[in-house]
C-alpha atoms as a PDB file:
ATOM      1  CA  MET A   1     125.634  29.738  82.329  1.00  0.00           C
ATOM      2  CA  ALA A   2     123.006  27.213  83.406  1.00  0.00           C
ATOM      3  CA  ASP A   3     122.881  26.200  87.044  1.00  0.00           C
ATOM      4  CA  THR A   4     123.197  22.434  86.622  1.00  0.00           C
ATOM      5  CA  GLY A   5     125.798  21.439  89.210  1.00  0.00           C
ATOM      6  CA  ASP A   6     123.418  19.885  91.747  1.00  0.00           C
ATOM      7  CA  VAL A   7     121.796  17.499  89.280  1.00  0.00           C
ATOM      8  CA  ARG A   8     123.100  13.953  89.298  1.00  0.00           C
ATOM      9  CA  ASN A   9     122.700  11.303  86.627  1.00  0.00           C
ATOM     10  CA  ASN A  10     121.902   8.095  88.512  1.00  0.00           C
ATOM     11  CA  GLU A  11     122.488   5.705  85.633  1.00  0.00           C
ATOM     12  CA  ALA A  12     121.820   2.639  87.803  1.00  0.00           C
ATOM     13  CA  GLU A  13     118.267   3.891  88.422  1.00  0.00           C
ATOM     14  CA  GLY A  14     117.848   5.438  84.938  1.00  0.00           C
ATOM     15  CA  ARG A  15     117.099   8.916  86.192  1.00  0.00           C
ATOM     16  CA  TYR A  16     118.427  12.386  86.779  1.00  0.00           C
ATOM     17  CA  GLU A  17     118.057  13.556  90.362  1.00  0.00           C
ATOM     18  CA  LEU A  18     117.967  16.950  92.037  1.00  0.00           C
ATOM     19  CA  SER A  19     117.745  17.194  95.825  1.00  0.00           C
ATOM     20  CA  VAL A  20     116.269  20.449  97.158  1.00  0.00           C
ATOM     21  CA  ASP A  21     115.541  20.987 100.842  1.00  0.00           C
ATOM     22  CA  GLY A  22     115.801  17.259 101.505  1.00  0.00           C
ATOM     23  CA  GLN A  23     113.306  16.345  98.764  1.00  0.00           C
ATOM     24  CA  MET A  24     114.125  14.603  95.490  1.00  0.00           C
ATOM     25  CA  ALA A  25     112.958  15.645  92.021  1.00  0.00           C
ATOM     26  CA  ILE A  26     113.563  13.094  89.282  1.00  0.00           C
ATOM     27  CA  ALA A  27     113.508  12.783  85.503  1.00  0.00           C
ATOM     28  CA  ALA A  28     113.306   9.094  84.607  1.00  0.00           C
ATOM     29  CA  TYR A  29     114.661   7.796  81.315  1.00  0.00           C
ATOM     30  CA  ASP A  30     115.457   4.671  79.337  1.00  0.00           C
ATOM     31  CA  ARG A  31     118.714   4.602  77.405  1.00  0.00           C
ATOM     32  CA  ARG A  32     118.261   3.299  73.859  1.00  0.00           C
ATOM     33  CA  GLU A  33     120.394   3.364  70.724  1.00  0.00           C
ATOM     34  CA  GLY A  34     122.171   6.690  71.305  1.00  0.00           C
ATOM     35  CA  ALA A  35     119.176   8.367  72.903  1.00  0.00           C
ATOM     36  CA  LEU A  36     117.614   9.096  76.243  1.00  0.00           C
ATOM     37  CA  VAL A  37     113.900   8.322  76.220  1.00  0.00           C
ATOM     38  CA  PHE A  38     112.419  10.492  78.981  1.00  0.00           C
ATOM     39  CA  THR A  39     109.386   8.742  80.437  1.00  0.00           C
ATOM     40  CA  HIS A  40     108.486  10.640  83.607  1.00  0.00           C
ATOM     41  CA  THR A  41     109.370  13.769  85.571  1.00  0.00           C
ATOM     42  CA  GLN A  42     108.375  14.062  89.210  1.00  0.00           C
ATOM     43  CA  VAL A  43     108.770  17.132  91.428  1.00  0.00           C
ATOM     44  CA  PRO A  44     107.553  16.976  95.036  1.00  0.00           C
ATOM     45  CA  ALA A  45     104.466  19.150  95.619  1.00  0.00           C
ATOM     46  CA  ALA A  46     106.347  21.356  98.079  1.00  0.00           C
ATOM     47  CA  LEU A  47     108.835  22.285  95.322  1.00  0.00           C
ATOM     48  CA  GLU A  48     106.358  22.889  92.499  1.00  0.00           C
ATOM     49  CA  GLY A  49     106.343  26.338  90.927  1.00  0.00           C
ATOM     50  CA  GLN A  50     109.944  27.074  91.927  1.00  0.00           C
ATOM     51  CA  GLY A  51     111.646  26.133  88.673  1.00  0.00           C
ATOM     52  CA  VAL A  52     113.007  22.870  90.059  1.00  0.00           C
ATOM     53  CA  GLY A  53     111.671  20.766  87.171  1.00  0.00           C
ATOM     54  CA  SER A  54     113.086  23.155  84.576  1.00  0.00           C
ATOM     55  CA  ARG A  55     116.460  23.181  86.324  1.00  0.00           C
ATOM     56  CA  LEU A  56     116.448  19.380  86.374  1.00  0.00           C
ATOM     57  CA  ILE A  57     115.618  19.070  82.659  1.00  0.00           C
ATOM     58  CA  ARG A  58     118.064  21.794  81.649  1.00  0.00           C
ATOM     59  CA  ALA A  59     120.862  19.872  83.374  1.00  0.00           C
ATOM     60  CA  ALA A  60     119.755  16.587  81.803  1.00  0.00           C
ATOM     61  CA  LEU A  61     119.876  18.158  78.352  1.00  0.00           C
ATOM     62  CA  VAL A  62     123.317  19.647  79.022  1.00  0.00           C
ATOM     63  CA  ASP A  63     124.505  16.162  79.983  1.00  0.00           C
ATOM     64  CA  ALA A  64     122.874  14.519  76.948  1.00  0.00           C
ATOM     65  CA  ARG A  65     124.504  17.067  74.647  1.00  0.00           C
ATOM     66  CA  ALA A  66     127.916  16.492  76.267  1.00  0.00           C
ATOM     67  CA  ARG A  67     127.521  12.745  75.671  1.00  0.00           C
ATOM     68  CA  ASN A  68     126.277  13.185  72.076  1.00  0.00           C
ATOM     69  CA  LEU A  69     122.909  11.640  72.899  1.00  0.00           C
ATOM     70  CA  LYS A  70     119.556  12.495  71.361  1.00  0.00           C
ATOM     71  CA  ILE A  71     116.308  12.962  73.278  1.00  0.00           C
ATOM     72  CA  VAL A  72     112.913  11.284  72.936  1.00  0.00           C
ATOM     73  CA  PRO A  73     110.500  13.265  75.141  1.00  0.00           C
ATOM     74  CA  LEU A  74     107.684  10.847  75.969  1.00  0.00           C
ATOM     75  CA  CYS A  75     107.262  12.778  79.211  1.00  0.00           C
ATOM     76  CA  GLU A  76     104.938  15.777  78.710  1.00  0.00           C
ATOM     77  CA  PHE A  77     107.063  17.998  80.943  1.00  0.00           C
ATOM     78  CA  VAL A  78     110.231  17.320  78.948  1.00  0.00           C
ATOM     79  CA  ALA A  79     108.357  17.809  75.643  1.00  0.00           C
ATOM     80  CA  ALA A  80     106.976  21.155  76.872  1.00  0.00           C
ATOM     81  CA  TYR A  81     110.408  22.261  78.060  1.00  0.00           C
ATOM     82  CA  ILE A  82     111.969  21.532  74.658  1.00  0.00           C
ATOM     83  CA  GLU A  83     109.097  23.288  72.889  1.00  0.00           C
ATOM     84  CA  ARG A  84     109.657  26.412  75.032  1.00  0.00           C
ATOM     85  CA  HIS A  85     113.417  26.324  74.371  1.00  0.00           C
ATOM     86  CA  PRO A  86     113.978  26.118  70.599  1.00  0.00           C
ATOM     87  CA  GLN A  87     117.752  26.099  71.082  1.00  0.00           C
ATOM     88  CA  GLU A  88     117.356  22.559  72.501  1.00  0.00           C
ATOM     89  CA  GLN A  89     115.318  21.139  69.627  1.00  0.00           C
ATOM     90  CA  ASP A  90     118.398  19.874  67.816  1.00  0.00           C
ATOM     91  CA  LEU A  91     118.588  17.224  70.557  1.00  0.00           C
ATOM     92  CA  LEU A  92     115.342  15.629  69.395  1.00  0.00           C
ATOM     93  CA  ALA A  93     115.791  12.180  67.875  1.00  0.00           C
ATOM     94  CA  ILE A  94     114.479  12.170  64.326  1.00  0.00           C
ATOM     95  CA  ASP A  95     114.001   8.402  64.301  1.00  0.00           C
ATOM     96  CA  ALA A  96     112.701   7.884  67.815  1.00  0.00           C
ATOM     97  CA  PRO A  97     114.013   4.551  69.132  1.00  0.00           C
ATOM     98  CA  GLY A  98     110.919   3.961  71.215  1.00  0.00           C
END
């Protein structure tokens, strides 16, 4: 089972958040027509290379799936994550609302 419990969807700010060692990683999105349009992922330099970004995106995709939302990966990190995980490709929006 994916470790997604620490990731929070801050809908007011339009981003998923993961706090690790007092530092915040984020995956920013815009909500449009049944989809989450991911625009930017940011992981603090001190946390890079530790799988924090992947953990953040994995949790975001679990949440999107649970809410029957599609994904538009404008963010290169999200696009690369989905490319590396074919089981998530069904979340891609065919008609991107962007």
